[in-house]
Full PDB file with SEQRES, HELIX, SHEET, SSBOND, CRYST1, ORIGX, SCALE, CONECT and MASTER records, all heavy atoms in Angstrom:
SEQRES   1 A   35  ASP ASN SER ARG LYS VAL VAL HIS LEU ARG MET SER ASN          
SEQRES   2 A   35  LEU LYS ALA GLU ASP THR ALA THR TYR TYR CYS HIS VAL          
SEQRES   3 A   35  GLU ARG GLY ALA ALA TRP GLY PRO GLY                          
HELIX    1 AA1 ALA A   16  ASP A   18  5                                   3    
CRYST1    1.000    1.000    1.000  90.00  90.00  90.00 P 1           1          
ORIGX1      1.000000  0.000000  0.000000        0.00000                         
ORIGX2      0.000000  1.000000  0.000000        0.00000                         
ORIGX3      0.000000  0.000000  1.000000        0.00000                         
SCALE1      1.000000  0.000000  0.000000        0.00000                         
SCALE2      0.000000  1.000000  0.000000        0.00000                         
SCALE3      0.000000  0.000000  1.000000        0.00000                         
ATOM      1  N   ASP A   1      90.173 111.820  79.585  1.00  0.00           N  
ATOM      2  CA  ASP A   1      89.525 110.574  79.938  1.00  0.00           C  
ATOM      3  C   ASP A   1      89.177 110.692  81.410  1.00  0.00           C  
ATOM      4  O   ASP A   1      90.026 110.490  82.278  1.00  0.00           O  
ATOM      5  CB  ASP A   1      90.446 109.382  79.678  1.00  0.00           C  
ATOM      6  CG  ASP A   1      89.781 108.051  79.962  1.00  0.00           C  
ATOM      7  OD1 ASP A   1      88.761 108.014  80.671  1.00  0.00           O  
ATOM      8  OD2 ASP A   1      90.296 107.027  79.471  1.00  0.00           O  
ATOM      9  N   ASN A   2      87.939 111.039  81.681  1.00  0.00           N  
ATOM     10  CA  ASN A   2      87.540 111.296  83.057  1.00  0.00           C  
ATOM     11  C   ASN A   2      87.599 110.045  83.935  1.00  0.00           C  
ATOM     12  O   ASN A   2      87.833 110.144  85.137  1.00  0.00           O  
ATOM     13  CB  ASN A   2      86.135 111.896  83.100  1.00  0.00           C  
ATOM     14  CG  ASN A   2      86.102 113.320  82.589  1.00  0.00           C  
ATOM     15  OD1 ASN A   2      87.095 114.044  82.666  1.00  0.00           O  
ATOM     16  ND2 ASN A   2      84.953 113.738  82.066  1.00  0.00           N  
ATOM     17  N   SER A   3      87.373 108.887  83.338  1.00  0.00           N  
ATOM     18  CA  SER A   3      87.424 107.654  84.112  1.00  0.00           C  
ATOM     19  C   SER A   3      88.830 107.351  84.594  1.00  0.00           C  
ATOM     20  O   SER A   3      89.011 106.755  85.660  1.00  0.00           O  
ATOM     21  CB  SER A   3      86.870 106.484  83.297  1.00  0.00           C  
ATOM     22  OG  SER A   3      87.704 106.179  82.198  1.00  0.00           O  
ATOM     23  N   ARG A   4      89.828 107.743  83.816  1.00  0.00           N  
ATOM     24  CA  ARG A   4      91.216 107.530  84.187  1.00  0.00           C  
ATOM     25  C   ARG A   4      91.853 108.767  84.802  1.00  0.00           C  
ATOM     26  O   ARG A   4      93.004 108.715  85.249  1.00  0.00           O  
ATOM     27  CB  ARG A   4      92.039 107.088  82.975  1.00  0.00           C  
ATOM     28  CG  ARG A   4      91.595 105.765  82.377  1.00  0.00           C  
ATOM     29  CD  ARG A   4      92.528 105.329  81.255  1.00  0.00           C  
ATOM     30  NE  ARG A   4      93.871 105.066  81.734  1.00  0.00           N  
ATOM     31  CZ  ARG A   4      94.946 105.788  81.417  1.00  0.00           C  
ATOM     32  NH1 ARG A   4      94.828 106.821  80.598  1.00  0.00           N  
ATOM     33  NH2 ARG A   4      96.134 105.459  81.911  1.00  0.00           N  
ATOM     34  N   LYS A   5      91.115 109.871  84.810  1.00  0.00           N  
ATOM     35  CA  LYS A   5      91.614 111.140  85.353  1.00  0.00           C  
ATOM     36  C   LYS A   5      92.918 111.540  84.672  1.00  0.00           C  
ATOM     37  O   LYS A   5      93.947 111.783  85.315  1.00  0.00           O  
ATOM     38  CB  LYS A   5      91.774 111.059  86.871  1.00  0.00           C  
ATOM     39  CG  LYS A   5      90.463 110.813  87.591  1.00  0.00           C  
ATOM     40  CD  LYS A   5      90.639 110.802  89.106  1.00  0.00           C  
ATOM     41  CE  LYS A   5      89.301 110.600  89.788  1.00  0.00           C  
ATOM     42  NZ  LYS A   5      89.430 110.563  91.262  1.00  0.00           N  
ATOM     43  N   VAL A   6      92.855 111.605  83.365  1.00  0.00           N  
ATOM     44  CA  VAL A   6      94.015 111.977  82.579  1.00  0.00           C  
ATOM     45  C   VAL A   6      93.606 112.958  81.485  1.00  0.00           C  
ATOM     46  O   VAL A   6      92.499 112.877  80.944  1.00  0.00           O  
ATOM     47  CB  VAL A   6      94.705 110.729  81.976  1.00  0.00           C  
ATOM     48  CG1 VAL A   6      93.760 109.994  81.036  1.00  0.00           C  
ATOM     49  CG2 VAL A   6      95.991 111.103  81.274  1.00  0.00           C  
ATOM     50  N   VAL A   7      94.490 113.890  81.202  1.00  0.00           N  
ATOM     51  CA  VAL A   7      94.297 114.866  80.139  1.00  0.00           C  
ATOM     52  C   VAL A   7      95.447 114.728  79.153  1.00  0.00           C  
ATOM     53  O   VAL A   7      96.602 114.559  79.560  1.00  0.00           O  
ATOM     54  CB  VAL A   7      94.251 116.301  80.690  1.00  0.00           C  
ATOM     55  CG1 VAL A   7      93.997 117.302  79.568  1.00  0.00           C  
ATOM     56  CG2 VAL A   7      93.184 116.428  81.758  1.00  0.00           C  
ATOM     57  N   HIS A   8      95.130 114.791  77.872  1.00  0.00           N  
ATOM     58  CA  HIS A   8      96.147 114.681  76.839  1.00  0.00           C  
ATOM     59  C   HIS A   8      96.227 115.955  76.018  1.00  0.00           C  
ATOM     60  O   HIS A   8      95.266 116.711  75.915  1.00  0.00           O  
ATOM     61  CB  HIS A   8      95.835 113.519  75.892  1.00  0.00           C  
ATOM     62  CG  HIS A   8      95.749 112.188  76.560  1.00  0.00           C  
ATOM     63  ND1 HIS A   8      96.853 111.535  77.058  1.00  0.00           N  
ATOM     64  CD2 HIS A   8      94.681 111.393  76.826  1.00  0.00           C  
ATOM     65  CE1 HIS A   8      96.477 110.391  77.585  1.00  0.00           C  
ATOM     66  NE2 HIS A   8      95.169 110.276  77.455  1.00  0.00           N  
ATOM     67  N   LEU A   9      97.382 116.161  75.443  1.00  0.00           N  
ATOM     68  CA  LEU A   9      97.571 117.231  74.477  1.00  0.00           C  
ATOM     69  C   LEU A   9      98.295 116.641  73.277  1.00  0.00           C  
ATOM     70  O   LEU A   9      99.480 116.321  73.358  1.00  0.00           O  
ATOM     71  CB  LEU A   9      98.371 118.395  75.061  1.00  0.00           C  
ATOM     72  CG  LEU A   9      98.529 119.603  74.139  1.00  0.00           C  
ATOM     73  CD1 LEU A   9      97.175 120.300  73.948  1.00  0.00           C  
ATOM     74  CD2 LEU A   9      99.556 120.589  74.696  1.00  0.00           C  
ATOM     75  N   ARG A  10      97.561 116.466  72.203  1.00  0.00           N  
ATOM     76  CA  ARG A  10      98.142 115.971  70.968  1.00  0.00           C  
ATOM     77  C   ARG A  10      98.663 117.153  70.176  1.00  0.00           C  
ATOM     78  O   ARG A  10      97.905 118.056  69.834  1.00  0.00           O  
ATOM     79  CB  ARG A  10      97.100 115.199  70.158  1.00  0.00           C  
ATOM     80  CG  ARG A  10      97.599 114.685  68.806  1.00  0.00           C  
ATOM     81  CD  ARG A  10      98.605 113.567  68.982  1.00  0.00           C  
ATOM     82  NE  ARG A  10      99.096 113.074  67.702  1.00  0.00           N  
ATOM     83  CZ  ARG A  10      99.892 112.032  67.556  1.00  0.00           C  
ATOM     84  NH1 ARG A  10     100.289 111.343  68.618  1.00  0.00           N  
ATOM     85  NH2 ARG A  10     100.296 111.668  66.344  1.00  0.00           N  
ATOM     86  N   MET A  11      99.936 117.148  69.887  1.00  0.00           N  
ATOM     87  CA  MET A  11     100.581 118.239  69.189  1.00  0.00           C  
ATOM     88  C   MET A  11     101.079 117.740  67.846  1.00  0.00           C  
ATOM     89  O   MET A  11     101.859 116.791  67.782  1.00  0.00           O  
ATOM     90  CB  MET A  11     101.744 118.797  70.013  1.00  0.00           C  
ATOM     91  CG  MET A  11     101.347 119.206  71.425  1.00  0.00           C  
ATOM     92  SD  MET A  11     102.724 119.939  72.339  1.00  0.00           S  
ATOM     93  CE  MET A  11     103.814 118.523  72.459  1.00  0.00           C  
ATOM     94  N   SER A  12     100.629 118.383  66.802  1.00  0.00           N  
ATOM     95  CA  SER A  12     101.012 118.012  65.444  1.00  0.00           C  
ATOM     96  C   SER A  12     101.619 119.204  64.731  1.00  0.00           C  
ATOM     97  O   SER A  12     101.423 120.349  65.128  1.00  0.00           O  
ATOM     98  CB  SER A  12      99.804 117.497  64.660  1.00  0.00           C  
ATOM     99  OG  SER A  12      99.247 116.350  65.257  1.00  0.00           O  
ATOM    100  N   ASN A  13     102.329 118.909  63.652  1.00  0.00           N  
ATOM    101  CA  ASN A  13     102.977 119.957  62.871  1.00  0.00           C  
ATOM    102  C   ASN A  13     103.739 120.915  63.782  1.00  0.00           C  
ATOM    103  O   ASN A  13     103.589 122.139  63.704  1.00  0.00           O  
ATOM    104  CB  ASN A  13     101.945 120.715  62.034  1.00  0.00           C  
ATOM    105  CG  ASN A  13     102.581 121.632  61.005  1.00  0.00           C  
ATOM    106  OD1 ASN A  13     103.716 121.412  60.584  1.00  0.00           O  
ATOM    107  ND2 ASN A  13     101.858 122.665  60.606  1.00  0.00           N  
ATOM    108  N   LEU A  14     104.557 120.344  64.629  1.00  0.00           N  
ATOM    109  CA  LEU A  14     105.279 121.146  65.605  1.00  0.00           C  
ATOM    110  C   LEU A  14     106.262 122.098  64.949  1.00  0.00           C  
ATOM    111  O   LEU A  14     106.886 121.778  63.935  1.00  0.00           O  
ATOM    112  CB  LEU A  14     106.002 120.238  66.586  1.00  0.00           C  
ATOM    113  CG  LEU A  14     105.089 119.600  67.634  1.00  0.00           C  
ATOM    114  CD1 LEU A  14     105.758 118.400  68.276  1.00  0.00           C  
ATOM    115  CD2 LEU A  14     104.706 120.633  68.694  1.00  0.00           C  
ATOM    116  N   LYS A  15     106.379 123.258  65.560  1.00  0.00           N  
ATOM    117  CA  LYS A  15     107.265 124.304  65.087  1.00  0.00           C  
ATOM    118  C   LYS A  15     108.300 124.613  66.151  1.00  0.00           C  
ATOM    119  O   LYS A  15     108.104 124.319  67.329  1.00  0.00           O  
ATOM    120  CB  LYS A  15     106.461 125.570  64.756  1.00  0.00           C  
ATOM    121  CG  LYS A  15     105.314 125.356  63.778  1.00  0.00           C  
ATOM    122  CD  LYS A  15     104.505 126.631  63.594  1.00  0.00           C  
ATOM    123  CE  LYS A  15     103.325 126.405  62.675  1.00  0.00           C  
ATOM    124  NZ  LYS A  15     103.752 126.036  61.295  1.00  0.00           N  
ATOM    125  N   ALA A  16     109.381 125.225  65.741  1.00  0.00           N  
ATOM    126  CA  ALA A  16     110.448 125.561  66.676  1.00  0.00           C  
ATOM    127  C   ALA A  16     109.928 126.426  67.818  1.00  0.00           C  
ATOM    128  O   ALA A  16     110.378 126.293  68.962  1.00  0.00           O  
ATOM    129  CB  ALA A  16     111.587 126.268  65.948  1.00  0.00           C  
ATOM    130  N   GLU A  17     108.976 127.300  67.523  1.00  0.00           N  
ATOM    131  CA  GLU A  17     108.436 128.176  68.550  1.00  0.00           C  
ATOM    132  C   GLU A  17     107.568 127.454  69.577  1.00  0.00           C  
ATOM    133  O   GLU A  17     107.148 128.051  70.569  1.00  0.00           O  
ATOM    134  CB  GLU A  17     107.653 129.337  67.923  1.00  0.00           C  
ATOM    135  CG  GLU A  17     106.590 128.898  66.930  1.00  0.00           C  
ATOM    136  CD  GLU A  17     107.058 128.980  65.491  1.00  0.00           C  
ATOM    137  OE1 GLU A  17     108.219 128.620  65.224  1.00  0.00           O  
ATOM    138  OE2 GLU A  17     106.266 129.408  64.633  1.00  0.00           O  
ATOM    139  N   ASP A  18     107.291 126.181  69.343  1.00  0.00           N  
ATOM    140  CA  ASP A  18     106.564 125.377  70.326  1.00  0.00           C  
ATOM    141  C   ASP A  18     107.480 124.855  71.423  1.00  0.00           C  
ATOM    142  O   ASP A  18     107.002 124.274  72.399  1.00  0.00           O  
ATOM    143  CB  ASP A  18     105.863 124.195  69.653  1.00  0.00           C  
ATOM    144  CG  ASP A  18     104.773 124.625  68.688  1.00  0.00           C  
ATOM    145  OD1 ASP A  18     104.027 125.571  69.007  1.00  0.00           O  
ATOM    146  OD2 ASP A  18     104.672 124.003  67.608  1.00  0.00           O  
ATOM    147  N   THR A  19     108.768 125.040  71.250  1.00  0.00           N  
ATOM    148  CA  THR A  19     109.731 124.595  72.251  1.00  0.00           C  
ATOM    149  C   THR A  19     109.457 125.288  73.582  1.00  0.00           C  
ATOM    150  O   THR A  19     109.439 126.518  73.664  1.00  0.00           O  
ATOM    151  CB  THR A  19     111.162 124.887  71.794  1.00  0.00           C  
ATOM    152  OG1 THR A  19     111.454 124.110  70.632  1.00  0.00           O  
ATOM    153  CG2 THR A  19     112.165 124.538  72.887  1.00  0.00           C  
ATOM    154  N   ALA A  20     109.237 124.497  74.618  1.00  0.00           N  
ATOM    155  CA  ALA A  20     108.903 125.030  75.930  1.00  0.00           C  
ATOM    156  C   ALA A  20     108.718 123.875  76.899  1.00  0.00           C  
ATOM    157  O   ALA A  20     108.704 122.708  76.500  1.00  0.00           O  
ATOM    158  CB  ALA A  20     107.619 125.861  75.869  1.00  0.00           C  
ATOM    159  N   THR A  21     108.577 124.220  78.158  1.00  0.00           N  
ATOM    160  CA  THR A  21     108.147 123.251  79.146  1.00  0.00           C  
ATOM    161  C   THR A  21     106.635 123.352  79.257  1.00  0.00           C  
ATOM    162  O   THR A  21     106.099 124.449  79.423  1.00  0.00           O  
ATOM    163  CB  THR A  21     108.803 123.499  80.509  1.00  0.00           C  
ATOM    164  OG1 THR A  21     110.223 123.382  80.372  1.00  0.00           O  
ATOM    165  CG2 THR A  21     108.324 122.481  81.533  1.00  0.00           C  
ATOM    166  N   TYR A  22     105.970 122.229  79.143  1.00  0.00           N  
ATOM    167  CA  TYR A  22     104.518 122.203  79.151  1.00  0.00           C  
ATOM    168  C   TYR A  22     104.011 121.736  80.503  1.00  0.00           C  
ATOM    169  O   TYR A  22     104.489 120.741  81.054  1.00  0.00           O  
ATOM    170  CB  TYR A  22     104.002 121.290  78.035  1.00  0.00           C  
ATOM    171  CG  TYR A  22     104.122 121.918  76.669  1.00  0.00           C  
ATOM    172  CD1 TYR A  22     105.366 122.068  76.067  1.00  0.00           C  
ATOM    173  CD2 TYR A  22     103.002 122.392  75.992  1.00  0.00           C  
ATOM    174  CE1 TYR A  22     105.492 122.668  74.825  1.00  0.00           C  
ATOM    175  CE2 TYR A  22     103.117 122.989  74.748  1.00  0.00           C  
ATOM    176  CZ  TYR A  22     104.361 123.120  74.172  1.00  0.00           C  
ATOM    177  OH  TYR A  22     104.477 123.723  72.941  1.00  0.00           O  
ATOM    178  N   TYR A  23     103.030 122.459  81.017  1.00  0.00           N  
ATOM    179  CA  TYR A  23     102.485 122.203  82.338  1.00  0.00           C  
ATOM    180  C   TYR A  23     100.991 121.932  82.278  1.00  0.00           C  
ATOM    181  O   TYR A  23     100.263 122.579  81.523  1.00  0.00           O  
ATOM    182  CB  TYR A  23     102.701 123.403  83.261  1.00  0.00           C  
ATOM    183  CG  TYR A  23     104.142 123.781  83.475  1.00  0.00           C  
ATOM    184  CD1 TYR A  23     104.763 124.694  82.630  1.00  0.00           C  
ATOM    185  CD2 TYR A  23     104.877 123.234  84.522  1.00  0.00           C  
ATOM    186  CE1 TYR A  23     106.083 125.055  82.827  1.00  0.00           C  
ATOM    187  CE2 TYR A  23     106.191 123.591  84.724  1.00  0.00           C  
ATOM    188  CZ  TYR A  23     106.791 124.499  83.876  1.00  0.00           C  
ATOM    189  OH  TYR A  23     108.103 124.857  84.082  1.00  0.00           O  
ATOM    190  N   CYS A  24     100.558 121.022  83.098  1.00  0.00           N  
ATOM    191  CA  CYS A  24      99.144 120.740  83.275  1.00  0.00           C  
ATOM    192  C   CYS A  24      98.638 121.533  84.474  1.00  0.00           C  
ATOM    193  O   CYS A  24      99.380 121.754  85.440  1.00  0.00           O  
ATOM    194  CB  CYS A  24      98.952 119.238  83.496  1.00  0.00           C  
ATOM    195  SG  CYS A  24      97.249 118.676  83.530  1.00  0.00           S  
ATOM    196  N   HIS A  25      97.387 121.955  84.424  1.00  0.00           N  
ATOM    197  CA  HIS A  25      96.866 122.818  85.470  1.00  0.00           C  
ATOM    198  C   HIS A  25      95.367 122.635  85.627  1.00  0.00           C  
ATOM    199  O   HIS A  25      94.654 122.403  84.655  1.00  0.00           O  
ATOM    200  CB  HIS A  25      97.170 124.278  85.128  1.00  0.00           C  
ATOM    201  CG  HIS A  25      96.636 125.272  86.110  1.00  0.00           C  
ATOM    202  ND1 HIS A  25      96.989 125.264  87.438  1.00  0.00           N  
ATOM    203  CD2 HIS A  25      95.764 126.309  85.938  1.00  0.00           C  
ATOM    204  CE1 HIS A  25      96.368 126.260  88.055  1.00  0.00           C  
ATOM    205  NE2 HIS A  25      95.629 126.908  87.163  1.00  0.00           N  
ATOM    206  N   VAL A  26      94.923 122.738  86.874  1.00  0.00           N  
ATOM    207  CA  VAL A  26      93.492 122.785  87.157  1.00  0.00           C  
ATOM    208  C   VAL A  26      93.098 124.247  87.170  1.00  0.00           C  
ATOM    209  O   VAL A  26      93.539 125.005  88.039  1.00  0.00           O  
ATOM    210  CB  VAL A  26      93.147 122.127  88.506  1.00  0.00           C  
ATOM    211  CG1 VAL A  26      91.649 122.244  88.779  1.00  0.00           C  
ATOM    212  CG2 VAL A  26      93.584 120.670  88.523  1.00  0.00           C  
ATOM    213  N   GLU A  27      92.298 124.631  86.186  1.00  0.00           N  
ATOM    214  CA  GLU A  27      91.901 126.027  86.083  1.00  0.00           C  
ATOM    215  C   GLU A  27      91.158 126.471  87.324  1.00  0.00           C  
ATOM    216  O   GLU A  27      90.322 125.736  87.864  1.00  0.00           O  
ATOM    217  CB  GLU A  27      91.039 126.251  84.844  1.00  0.00           C  
ATOM    218  CG  GLU A  27      91.816 126.204  83.531  1.00  0.00           C  
ATOM    219  CD  GLU A  27      92.728 127.395  83.367  1.00  0.00           C  
ATOM    220  OE1 GLU A  27      93.857 127.347  83.902  1.00  0.00           O  
ATOM    221  OE2 GLU A  27      92.319 128.379  82.710  1.00  0.00           O  
ATOM    222  N   ARG A  28      91.484 127.682  87.770  1.00  0.00           N  
ATOM    223  CA  ARG A  28      90.906 128.295  88.970  1.00  0.00           C  
ATOM    224  C   ARG A  28      91.280 127.519  90.226  1.00  0.00           C  
ATOM    225  O   ARG A  28      90.694 127.732  91.284  1.00  0.00           O  
ATOM    226  CB  ARG A  28      89.384 128.430  88.845  1.00  0.00           C  
ATOM    227  CG  ARG A  28      88.942 129.314  87.677  1.00  0.00           C  
ATOM    228  CD  ARG A  28      87.426 129.431  87.620  1.00  0.00           C  
ATOM    229  NE  ARG A  28      86.796 128.137  87.433  1.00  0.00           N  
ATOM    230  CZ  ARG A  28      86.707 127.529  86.264  1.00  0.00           C  
ATOM    231  NH1 ARG A  28      87.217 128.094  85.177  1.00  0.00           N  
ATOM    232  NH2 ARG A  28      86.100 126.351  86.187  1.00  0.00           N  
ATOM    233  N   GLY A  29      92.254 126.663  90.124  1.00  0.00           N  
ATOM    234  CA  GLY A  29      92.747 125.902  91.252  1.00  0.00           C  
ATOM    235  C   GLY A  29      94.225 126.138  91.473  1.00  0.00           C  
ATOM    236  O   GLY A  29      94.839 126.998  90.841  1.00  0.00           O  
ATOM    237  N   ALA A  30      94.797 125.371  92.377  1.00  0.00           N  
ATOM    238  CA  ALA A  30      96.200 125.545  92.738  1.00  0.00           C  
ATOM    239  C   ALA A  30      97.097 124.426  92.228  1.00  0.00           C  
ATOM    240  O   ALA A  30      98.314 124.481  92.414  1.00  0.00           O  
ATOM    241  CB  ALA A  30      96.334 125.647  94.254  1.00  0.00           C  
ATOM    242  N   ALA A  31      96.528 123.422  91.592  1.00  0.00           N  
ATOM    243  CA  ALA A  31      97.283 122.247  91.185  1.00  0.00           C  
ATOM    244  C   ALA A  31      98.044 122.469  89.881  1.00  0.00           C  
ATOM    245  O   ALA A  31      97.474 122.895  88.873  1.00  0.00           O  
ATOM    246  CB  ALA A  31      96.352 121.046  91.055  1.00  0.00           C  
ATOM    247  N   TRP A  32      99.320 122.166  89.904  1.00  0.00           N  
ATOM    248  CA  TRP A  32     100.202 122.177  88.744  1.00  0.00           C  
ATOM    249  C   TRP A  32     101.023 120.900  88.738  1.00  0.00           C  
ATOM    250  O   TRP A  32     101.199 120.253  89.763  1.00  0.00           O  
ATOM    251  CB  TRP A  32     101.165 123.360  88.789  1.00  0.00           C  
ATOM    252  CG  TRP A  32     100.549 124.703  88.583  1.00  0.00           C  
ATOM    253  CD1 TRP A  32     100.069 125.541  89.545  1.00  0.00           C  
ATOM    254  CD2 TRP A  32     100.366 125.383  87.336  1.00  0.00           C  
ATOM    255  NE1 TRP A  32      99.589 126.695  88.985  1.00  0.00           N  
ATOM    256  CE2 TRP A  32      99.766 126.628  87.632  1.00  0.00           C  
ATOM    257  CE3 TRP A  32     100.648 125.065  86.016  1.00  0.00           C  
ATOM    258  CZ2 TRP A  32      99.452 127.552  86.636  1.00  0.00           C  
ATOM    259  CZ3 TRP A  32     100.336 125.973  85.024  1.00  0.00           C  
ATOM    260  CH2 TRP A  32      99.746 127.210  85.339  1.00  0.00           C  
ATOM    261  N   GLY A  33     101.538 120.567  87.579  1.00  0.00           N  
ATOM    262  CA  GLY A  33     102.512 119.507  87.496  1.00  0.00           C  
ATOM    263  C   GLY A  33     103.899 120.107  87.416  1.00  0.00           C  
ATOM    264  O   GLY A  33     104.058 121.329  87.290  1.00  0.00           O  
ATOM    265  N   PRO A  34     104.941 119.283  87.476  1.00  0.00           N  
ATOM    266  CA  PRO A  34     106.314 119.784  87.371  1.00  0.00           C  
ATOM    267  C   PRO A  34     106.724 120.135  85.943  1.00  0.00           C  
ATOM    268  O   PRO A  34     107.777 120.743  85.739  1.00  0.00           O  
ATOM    269  CB  PRO A  34     107.148 118.620  87.902  1.00  0.00           C  
ATOM    270  CG  PRO A  34     106.338 117.419  87.546  1.00  0.00           C  
ATOM    271  CD  PRO A  34     104.900 117.836  87.706  1.00  0.00           C  
ATOM    272  N   GLY A  35     105.922 119.753  84.990  1.00  0.00           N  
ATOM    273  CA  GLY A  35     106.182 120.080  83.605  1.00  0.00           C  
ATOM    274  C   GLY A  35     106.892 118.974  82.853  1.00  0.00           C  
ATOM    275  O   GLY A  35     107.565 118.128  83.436  1.00  0.00           O  
TER     276      GLY A  35                                                      
MASTER        0    0    0    1    0    0    0    6  275    1    0    3          
END                                                                             
């Protein structure tokens, strides 16, 4: 949602192998979230 400056990741049919810390990132940039 560019107006709100937010990115979502809808995850369905989750599997055990999806267990992880998920991070948001600006591609080709330096910005990361804490996860």
